[in-house]
C-alpha atoms as a PDB file:
ATOM      1  CA  UNK A   1       0.151  -0.157   0.010  1.00  0.00           C
ATOM      2  CA  UNK A   2       1.640   3.719  -0.721  1.00  0.00           C
ATOM      3  CA  UNK A   3      -0.743   6.513  -0.105  1.00  0.00           C
ATOM      4  CA  UNK A   4      -3.289   6.396   3.206  1.00  0.00           C
ATOM      5  CA  UNK A   5      -6.814   7.031   2.590  1.00  0.00           C
ATOM      6  CA  UNK A   6      -7.815   9.717   4.789  1.00  0.00           C
ATOM      7  CA  UNK A   7     -11.347   8.322   5.561  1.00  0.00           C
ATOM      8  CA  UNK A   8     -10.238   4.407   6.132  1.00  0.00           C
ATOM      9  CA  UNK A   9      -6.792   5.323   8.011  1.00  0.00           C
ATOM     10  CA  UNK A  10      -8.694   8.215   9.622  1.00  0.00           C
ATOM     11  CA  UNK A  11      -7.542   6.716  13.588  1.00  0.00           C
ATOM     12  CA  UNK A  12      -4.218   5.945  12.103  1.00  0.00           C
ATOM     13  CA  UNK A  13      -3.796   9.547  11.272  1.00  0.00           C
ATOM     14  CA  UNK A  14      -5.567  11.051  14.312  1.00  0.00           C
ATOM     15  CA  UNK A  15      -2.765   8.726  16.611  1.00  0.00           C
ATOM     16  CA  UNK A  16      -0.024   9.427  15.294  1.00  0.00           C
ATOM     17  CA  UNK A  17      -0.650  13.655  14.407  1.00  0.00           C
ATOM     18  CA  UNK A  18      -1.808  13.349  18.603  1.00  0.00           C
ATOM     19  CA  UNK A  19       1.709  11.911  19.629  1.00  0.00           C
ATOM     20  CA  UNK A  20       4.114  12.911  17.012  1.00  0.00           C
ATOM     21  CA  UNK A  21       2.672  16.198  15.491  1.00  0.00           C
ATOM     22  CA  UNK A  22       2.883  19.604  16.323  1.00  0.00           C
ATOM     23  CA  UNK A  23       0.686  22.865  17.078  1.00  0.00           C
ATOM     24  CA  UNK A  24       0.589  23.126  12.558  1.00  0.00           C
ATOM     25  CA  UNK A  25      -0.061  19.463  12.216  1.00  0.00           C
ATOM     26  CA  UNK A  26      -2.890  19.832  15.003  1.00  0.00           C
ATOM     27  CA  UNK A  27      -4.265  22.662  12.947  1.00  0.00           C
ATOM     28  CA  UNK A  28      -3.950  20.471  10.092  1.00  0.00           C
ATOM     29  CA  UNK A  29      -6.055  17.551  11.607  1.00  0.00           C
ATOM     30  CA  UNK A  30      -9.333  19.645  13.011  1.00  0.00           C
ATOM     31  CA  UNK A  31      -9.279  21.843   9.379  1.00  0.00           C
ATOM     32  CA  UNK A  32      -9.192  17.934   8.237  1.00  0.00           C
ATOM     33  CA  UNK A  33     -11.884  16.531  10.141  1.00  0.00           C
ATOM     34  CA  UNK A  34     -13.572  18.946  12.612  1.00  0.00           C
ATOM     35  CA  UNK A  35     -13.008  18.778  16.062  1.00  0.00           C
ATOM     36  CA  UNK A  36     -16.084  16.904  16.723  1.00  0.00           C
ATOM     37  CA  UNK A  37     -14.604  13.306  14.760  1.00  0.00           C
ATOM     38  CA  UNK A  38     -10.859  13.727  15.845  1.00  0.00           C
ATOM     39  CA  UNK A  39     -12.264  13.954  19.603  1.00  0.00           C
ATOM     40  CA  UNK A  40     -14.492  10.763  18.640  1.00  0.00           C
ATOM     41  CA  UNK A  41     -11.420   9.050  17.283  1.00  0.00           C
ATOM     42  CA  UNK A  42      -9.283   9.918  19.968  1.00  0.00           C
ATOM     43  CA  UNK A  43     -11.284   7.987  22.666  1.00  0.00           C
ATOM     44  CA  UNK A  44     -11.207   5.071  20.860  1.00  0.00           C
ATOM     45  CA  UNK A  45      -7.176   4.421  20.368  1.00  0.00           C
ATOM     46  CA  UNK A  46      -6.203   1.464  21.635  1.00  0.00           C
ATOM     47  CA  UNK A  47      -2.387   3.247  23.217  1.00  0.00           C
ATOM     48  CA  UNK A  48      -1.716   6.647  23.765  1.00  0.00           C
ATOM     49  CA  UNK A  49       1.111   8.216  26.150  1.00  0.00           C
ATOM     50  CA  UNK A  50       0.124   9.818  29.301  1.00  0.00           C
ATOM     51  CA  UNK A  51       0.911  13.385  28.317  1.00  0.00           C
ATOM     52  CA  UNK A  52      -1.533  13.400  25.556  1.00  0.00           C
ATOM     53  CA  UNK A  53      -4.240  11.986  27.074  1.00  0.00           C
ATOM     54  CA  UNK A  54      -3.921  14.862  29.595  1.00  0.00           C
ATOM     55  CA  UNK A  55      -3.866  16.860  27.076  1.00  0.00           C
ATOM     56  CA  UNK A  56      -6.528  15.709  25.704  1.00  0.00           C
ATOM     57  CA  UNK A  57      -8.605  15.270  28.186  1.00  0.00           C
ATOM     58  CA  UNK A  58      -8.635  19.036  29.343  1.00  0.00           C
ATOM     59  CA  UNK A  59      -8.887  20.240  25.443  1.00  0.00           C
ATOM     60  CA  UNK A  60     -11.798  18.154  24.643  1.00  0.00           C
ATOM     61  CA  UNK A  61     -13.203  18.191  28.390  1.00  0.00           C
ATOM     62  CA  UNK A  62     -12.927  15.068  28.895  1.00  0.00           C
ATOM     63  CA  UNK A  63     -12.435  12.386  31.960  1.00  0.00           C
ATOM     64  CA  UNK A  64      -9.494   9.701  31.627  1.00  0.00           C
ATOM     65  CA  UNK A  65     -11.738   6.868  31.839  1.00  0.00           C
ATOM     66  CA  UNK A  66     -13.521   8.021  28.397  1.00  0.00           C
ATOM     67  CA  UNK A  67     -10.897   7.261  26.965  1.00  0.00           C
ATOM     68  CA  UNK A  68      -9.992   3.556  25.404  1.00  0.00           C
ATOM     69  CA  UNK A  69      -6.510   3.467  26.672  1.00  0.00           C
ATOM     70  CA  UNK A  70      -7.065   4.170  30.319  1.00  0.00           C
ATOM     71  CA  UNK A  71      -9.133   1.853  31.098  1.00  0.00           C
ATOM     72  CA  UNK A  72      -6.880  -0.714  28.876  1.00  0.00           C
ATOM     73  CA  UNK A  73      -4.572   0.744  31.082  1.00  0.00           C
ATOM     74  CA  UNK A  74      -5.858  -0.728  33.834  1.00  0.00           C
ATOM     75  CA  UNK A  75      -6.021  -4.577  32.542  1.00  0.00           C
ATOM     76  CA  UNK A  76      -2.334  -4.043  31.297  1.00  0.00           C
ATOM     77  CA  UNK A  77      -0.818  -2.035  34.491  1.00  0.00           C
ATOM     78  CA  UNK A  78       2.752  -1.856  34.214  1.00  0.00           C
ATOM     79  CA  UNK A  79       3.071  -3.980  30.712  1.00  0.00           C
ATOM     80  CA  UNK A  80       4.447  -1.331  28.960  1.00  0.00           C
ATOM     81  CA  UNK A  81       5.966   1.145  30.719  1.00  0.00           C
ATOM     82  CA  UNK A  82       4.895   4.672  29.573  1.00  0.00           C
ATOM     83  CA  UNK A  83       1.749   4.223  27.803  1.00  0.00           C
ATOM     84  CA  UNK A  84      -2.010   3.872  28.639  1.00  0.00           C
ATOM     85  CA  UNK A  85      -2.180   0.607  26.774  1.00  0.00           C
END
C-alpha cells in the first residue's frame, strides 16, 4: 500500500498526529476532520502516552475514563511502561 486514505485510515492519522505531530499538524488535523471527529477517534485509540491523554482530556473536556486506552491500561498495568494501553 503506497498511500493513506483519509477516511479509511482516519484513526491511524489522528493517533500519529496526536503522538508525534506539532501545533501546525494539530491545526491541519482539526481542519481536515473537525473537532468532533477528532474527539471520536481519539477516545477509541488503544495506546496513548499519558501526556497525550491528559492534553486531550483538557482540550475536549473529557474524563480519563472516556478513553479506551485508560480502560485498557487498568487491565495491562505495568506491562508497557509509559503507555496507557
